[in-house]
Amino acid sequence: MTSHQKDPLHGVTLKMMLTELQESMGWEGLSEKININCFKSNPSLKSSLTFLRRTPWAREKVERLYLKSKGVKLAKKAPKEASPFANGDSDKQKNNPWDKAARNINR
Protein backbone atom coordinates (compact mmCIF):
# COMPACT_ATOMS: atom_id res chain seq x y z
CA MET A 1 0.00 0.00 0.00
CA THR A 2 1.50 3.37 -0.97
CA SER A 3 1.40 6.42 1.26
CA HIS A 4 -1.11 8.29 -0.89
CA GLN A 5 -3.59 5.41 -0.51
CA LYS A 6 -3.48 5.95 3.26
CA ASP A 7 -3.97 9.73 2.97
CA PRO A 8 -7.70 10.56 2.96
CA LEU A 9 -6.95 14.01 1.49
CA HIS A 10 -5.00 12.65 -1.49
CA GLY A 11 -6.44 14.21 -4.65
CA VAL A 12 -8.76 16.57 -2.74
CA THR A 13 -8.03 20.24 -3.29
CA LEU A 14 -8.66 22.98 -0.77
CA LYS A 15 -11.21 24.46 -3.16
CA MET A 16 -13.09 21.13 -3.32
CA MET A 17 -13.10 20.84 0.48
CA LEU A 18 -14.26 24.39 1.07
CA THR A 19 -16.94 24.22 -1.64
CA GLU A 20 -18.39 21.02 -0.19
CA LEU A 21 -18.32 22.33 3.38
CA GLN A 22 -19.91 25.61 2.35
CA GLU A 23 -22.67 23.86 0.41
CA SER A 24 -23.48 21.56 3.31
CA MET A 25 -23.13 24.03 6.22
CA GLY A 26 -23.27 27.47 4.68
CA TRP A 27 -20.94 30.29 5.64
CA GLU A 28 -22.71 30.77 8.97
CA GLY A 29 -22.27 27.11 9.87
CA LEU A 30 -18.61 27.24 8.90
CA SER A 31 -18.05 30.32 11.05
CA GLU A 32 -19.65 28.53 14.02
CA LYS A 33 -17.38 25.51 13.61
CA ILE A 34 -14.21 27.46 12.75
CA ASN A 35 -14.00 30.93 14.27
CA ILE A 36 -12.18 32.89 11.55
CA ASN A 37 -13.20 36.16 9.94
CA CYS A 38 -13.01 34.93 6.35
CA PHE A 39 -16.16 32.88 7.11
CA LYS A 40 -17.87 35.64 9.12
CA SER A 41 -17.27 38.97 7.45
CA ASN A 42 -18.42 39.19 3.82
CA PRO A 43 -17.40 35.59 3.01
CA SER A 44 -16.62 34.41 -0.49
CA LEU A 45 -14.91 31.36 -1.90
CA LYS A 46 -12.10 33.40 -3.43
CA SER A 47 -11.25 35.42 -0.30
CA SER A 48 -11.49 32.36 1.94
CA LEU A 49 -9.19 30.34 -0.31
CA THR A 50 -6.66 33.18 -0.37
CA PHE A 51 -6.65 33.36 3.43
CA LEU A 52 -6.52 29.59 3.94
CA ARG A 53 -3.64 29.15 1.50
CA ARG A 54 -1.58 31.72 3.42
CA THR A 55 -2.55 30.57 6.91
CA PRO A 56 -1.49 27.00 7.74
CA TRP A 57 -3.29 26.78 11.11
CA ALA A 58 -6.61 27.81 9.53
CA ARG A 59 -6.16 25.41 6.62
CA GLU A 60 -5.51 22.59 9.07
CA LYS A 61 -8.79 23.36 10.83
CA VAL A 62 -10.69 23.24 7.52
CA GLU A 63 -9.00 19.96 6.60
CA ARG A 64 -9.90 18.44 9.98
CA LEU A 65 -13.51 19.61 9.67
CA TYR A 66 -13.72 18.18 6.15
CA LEU A 67 -12.35 14.81 7.28
CA LYS A 68 -14.71 14.79 10.26
CA SER A 69 -17.65 15.49 7.93
CA LYS A 70 -16.58 12.46 5.87
CA GLY A 71 -16.53 10.25 8.96
CA VAL A 72 -12.76 9.82 9.01
CA LYS A 73 -11.44 9.06 12.49
CA LEU A 74 -8.85 11.66 13.43
CA ALA A 75 -5.92 11.08 15.72
CA LYS A 76 -5.78 13.43 18.65
CA LYS A 77 -3.34 16.28 18.24
CA ALA A 78 -0.12 15.92 20.19
CA PRO A 79 0.26 18.50 22.95
CA LYS A 80 2.54 21.39 22.13
CA GLU A 81 5.95 21.32 23.69
CA ALA A 82 6.41 23.78 26.48
CA SER A 83 8.55 26.78 25.80
CA PRO A 84 12.03 26.51 27.33
CA PHE A 85 11.30 29.84 29.02
CA ALA A 86 7.96 28.74 30.47
CA ASN A 87 9.29 27.50 33.81
CA GLY A 88 12.29 29.82 34.12
CA ASP A 89 14.85 26.99 34.10
CA SER A 90 16.61 28.04 30.93
CA ASP A 91 20.23 29.10 31.14
CA LYS A 92 19.53 31.90 28.70
CA GLN A 93 16.84 33.26 30.96
CA LYS A 94 18.99 32.91 34.09
CA ASN A 95 21.87 34.78 32.44
CA ASN A 96 19.76 37.55 30.97
CA PRO A 97 21.37 40.84 32.12
CA TRP A 98 18.05 42.68 31.96
CA ASP A 99 16.47 40.23 34.38
CA LYS A 100 19.44 40.66 36.74
CA ALA A 101 19.08 44.43 36.59
CA ALA A 102 15.36 44.18 37.33
CA ARG A 103 16.02 41.89 40.32
CA ASN A 104 18.57 44.37 41.70
CA ILE A 105 16.11 47.24 41.40
CA ASN A 106 13.43 45.32 43.28
CA ARG A 107 15.73 44.64 46.26
C-alpha atoms as a PDB file:
ATOM      1  CA  MET A   1       0.000   0.000   0.000  1.00  0.00           C
ATOM      2  CA  THR A   2       1.499   3.367  -0.968  1.00  0.00           C
ATOM      3  CA  SER A   3       1.398   6.415   1.265  1.00  0.00           C
ATOM      4  CA  HIS A   4      -1.114   8.292  -0.895  1.00  0.00           C
ATOM      5  CA  GLN A   5      -3.592   5.415  -0.512  1.00  0.00           C
ATOM      6  CA  LYS A   6      -3.480   5.953   3.261  1.00  0.00           C
ATOM      7  CA  ASP A   7      -3.973   9.734   2.974  1.00  0.00           C
ATOM      8  CA  PRO A   8      -7.698  10.558   2.962  1.00  0.00           C
ATOM      9  CA  LEU A   9      -6.949  14.009   1.492  1.00  0.00           C
ATOM     10  CA  HIS A  10      -4.998  12.648  -1.493  1.00  0.00           C
ATOM     11  CA  GLY A  11      -6.444  14.209  -4.646  1.00  0.00           C
ATOM     12  CA  VAL A  12      -8.761  16.570  -2.742  1.00  0.00           C
ATOM     13  CA  THR A  13      -8.032  20.241  -3.292  1.00  0.00           C
ATOM     14  CA  LEU A  14      -8.664  22.982  -0.772  1.00  0.00           C
ATOM     15  CA  LYS A  15     -11.215  24.457  -3.162  1.00  0.00           C
ATOM     16  CA  MET A  16     -13.088  21.133  -3.324  1.00  0.00           C
ATOM     17  CA  MET A  17     -13.104  20.841   0.482  1.00  0.00           C
ATOM     18  CA  LEU A  18     -14.259  24.394   1.066  1.00  0.00           C
ATOM     19  CA  THR A  19     -16.942  24.221  -1.638  1.00  0.00           C
ATOM     20  CA  GLU A  20     -18.387  21.023  -0.193  1.00  0.00           C
ATOM     21  CA  LEU A  21     -18.322  22.333   3.377  1.00  0.00           C
ATOM     22  CA  GLN A  22     -19.914  25.615   2.346  1.00  0.00           C
ATOM     23  CA  GLU A  23     -22.668  23.859   0.413  1.00  0.00           C
ATOM     24  CA  SER A  24     -23.484  21.558   3.313  1.00  0.00           C
ATOM     25  CA  MET A  25     -23.128  24.032   6.223  1.00  0.00           C
ATOM     26  CA  GLY A  26     -23.273  27.465   4.677  1.00  0.00           C
ATOM     27  CA  TRP A  27     -20.944  30.293   5.642  1.00  0.00           C
ATOM     28  CA  GLU A  28     -22.708  30.768   8.975  1.00  0.00           C
ATOM     29  CA  GLY A  29     -22.270  27.106   9.868  1.00  0.00           C
ATOM     30  CA  LEU A  30     -18.609  27.241   8.899  1.00  0.00           C
ATOM     31  CA  SER A  31     -18.054  30.322  11.052  1.00  0.00           C
ATOM     32  CA  GLU A  32     -19.654  28.535  14.022  1.00  0.00           C
ATOM     33  CA  LYS A  33     -17.382  25.505  13.609  1.00  0.00           C
ATOM     34  CA  ILE A  34     -14.209  27.459  12.755  1.00  0.00           C
ATOM     35  CA  ASN A  35     -13.996  30.933  14.266  1.00  0.00           C
ATOM     36  CA  ILE A  36     -12.177  32.886  11.548  1.00  0.00           C
ATOM     37  CA  ASN A  37     -13.199  36.161   9.942  1.00  0.00           C
ATOM     38  CA  CYS A  38     -13.013  34.935   6.349  1.00  0.00           C
ATOM     39  CA  PHE A  39     -16.155  32.880   7.106  1.00  0.00           C
ATOM     40  CA  LYS A  40     -17.875  35.638   9.118  1.00  0.00           C
ATOM     41  CA  SER A  41     -17.275  38.971   7.445  1.00  0.00           C
ATOM     42  CA  ASN A  42     -18.421  39.188   3.818  1.00  0.00           C
ATOM     43  CA  PRO A  43     -17.397  35.593   3.010  1.00  0.00           C
ATOM     44  CA  SER A  44     -16.615  34.411  -0.493  1.00  0.00           C
ATOM     45  CA  LEU A  45     -14.914  31.355  -1.904  1.00  0.00           C
ATOM     46  CA  LYS A  46     -12.096  33.404  -3.429  1.00  0.00           C
ATOM     47  CA  SER A  47     -11.254  35.418  -0.304  1.00  0.00           C
ATOM     48  CA  SER A  48     -11.490  32.365   1.944  1.00  0.00           C
ATOM     49  CA  LEU A  49      -9.189  30.343  -0.312  1.00  0.00           C
ATOM     50  CA  THR A  50      -6.659  33.180  -0.371  1.00  0.00           C
ATOM     51  CA  PHE A  51      -6.650  33.359   3.429  1.00  0.00           C
ATOM     52  CA  LEU A  52      -6.519  29.593   3.940  1.00  0.00           C
ATOM     53  CA  ARG A  53      -3.637  29.146   1.496  1.00  0.00           C
ATOM     54  CA  ARG A  54      -1.579  31.717   3.419  1.00  0.00           C
ATOM     55  CA  THR A  55      -2.550  30.570   6.910  1.00  0.00           C
ATOM     56  CA  PRO A  56      -1.492  27.002   7.744  1.00  0.00           C
ATOM     57  CA  TRP A  57      -3.293  26.776  11.108  1.00  0.00           C
ATOM     58  CA  ALA A  58      -6.612  27.810   9.526  1.00  0.00           C
ATOM     59  CA  ARG A  59      -6.157  25.414   6.616  1.00  0.00           C
ATOM     60  CA  GLU A  60      -5.507  22.595   9.075  1.00  0.00           C
ATOM     61  CA  LYS A  61      -8.793  23.364  10.835  1.00  0.00           C
ATOM     62  CA  VAL A  62     -10.686  23.243   7.524  1.00  0.00           C
ATOM     63  CA  GLU A  63      -9.003  19.957   6.602  1.00  0.00           C
ATOM     64  CA  ARG A  64      -9.902  18.437   9.984  1.00  0.00           C
ATOM     65  CA  LEU A  65     -13.515  19.610   9.671  1.00  0.00           C
ATOM     66  CA  TYR A  66     -13.720  18.179   6.148  1.00  0.00           C
ATOM     67  CA  LEU A  67     -12.354  14.811   7.280  1.00  0.00           C
ATOM     68  CA  LYS A  68     -14.709  14.793  10.257  1.00  0.00           C
ATOM     69  CA  SER A  69     -17.651  15.489   7.926  1.00  0.00           C
ATOM     70  CA  LYS A  70     -16.578  12.464   5.870  1.00  0.00           C
ATOM     71  CA  GLY A  71     -16.526  10.251   8.965  1.00  0.00           C
ATOM     72  CA  VAL A  72     -12.757   9.820   9.015  1.00  0.00           C
ATOM     73  CA  LYS A  73     -11.438   9.059  12.492  1.00  0.00           C
ATOM     74  CA  LEU A  74      -8.849  11.659  13.430  1.00  0.00           C
ATOM     75  CA  ALA A  75      -5.916  11.076  15.716  1.00  0.00           C
ATOM     76  CA  LYS A  76      -5.781  13.428  18.648  1.00  0.00           C
ATOM     77  CA  LYS A  77      -3.341  16.277  18.236  1.00  0.00           C
ATOM     78  CA  ALA A  78      -0.120  15.924  20.186  1.00  0.00           C
ATOM     79  CA  PRO A  79       0.257  18.502  22.948  1.00  0.00           C
ATOM     80  CA  LYS A  80       2.535  21.394  22.126  1.00  0.00           C
ATOM     81  CA  GLU A  81       5.955  21.322  23.695  1.00  0.00           C
ATOM     82  CA  ALA A  82       6.413  23.784  26.482  1.00  0.00           C
ATOM     83  CA  SER A  83       8.551  26.783  25.796  1.00  0.00           C
ATOM     84  CA  PRO A  84      12.026  26.509  27.326  1.00  0.00           C
ATOM     85  CA  PHE A  85      11.305  29.841  29.015  1.00  0.00           C
ATOM     86  CA  ALA A  86       7.956  28.738  30.470  1.00  0.00           C
ATOM     87  CA  ASN A  87       9.289  27.504  33.810  1.00  0.00           C
ATOM     88  CA  GLY A  88      12.286  29.817  34.116  1.00  0.00           C
ATOM     89  CA  ASP A  89      14.851  26.994  34.101  1.00  0.00           C
ATOM     90  CA  SER A  90      16.608  28.041  30.928  1.00  0.00           C
ATOM     91  CA  ASP A  91      20.231  29.100  31.141  1.00  0.00           C
ATOM     92  CA  LYS A  92      19.526  31.903  28.700  1.00  0.00           C
ATOM     93  CA  GLN A  93      16.836  33.262  30.960  1.00  0.00           C
ATOM     94  CA  LYS A  94      18.995  32.909  34.089  1.00  0.00           C
ATOM     95  CA  ASN A  95      21.871  34.783  32.442  1.00  0.00           C
ATOM     96  CA  ASN A  96      19.762  37.552  30.967  1.00  0.00           C
ATOM     97  CA  PRO A  97      21.369  40.840  32.120  1.00  0.00           C
ATOM     98  CA  TRP A  98      18.049  42.675  31.956  1.00  0.00           C
ATOM     99  CA  ASP A  99      16.471  40.231  34.379  1.00  0.00           C
ATOM    100  CA  LYS A 100      19.438  40.660  36.745  1.00  0.00           C
ATOM    101  CA  ALA A 101      19.078  44.428  36.590  1.00  0.00           C
ATOM    102  CA  ALA A 102      15.358  44.177  37.329  1.00  0.00           C
ATOM    103  CA  ARG A 103      16.020  41.895  40.320  1.00  0.00           C
ATOM    104  CA  ASN A 104      18.567  44.366  41.703  1.00  0.00           C
ATOM    105  CA  ILE A 105      16.109  47.243  41.395  1.00  0.00           C
ATOM    106  CA  ASN A 106      13.427  45.322  43.284  1.00  0.00           C
ATOM    107  CA  ARG A 107      15.726  44.640  46.265  1.00  0.00           C
END
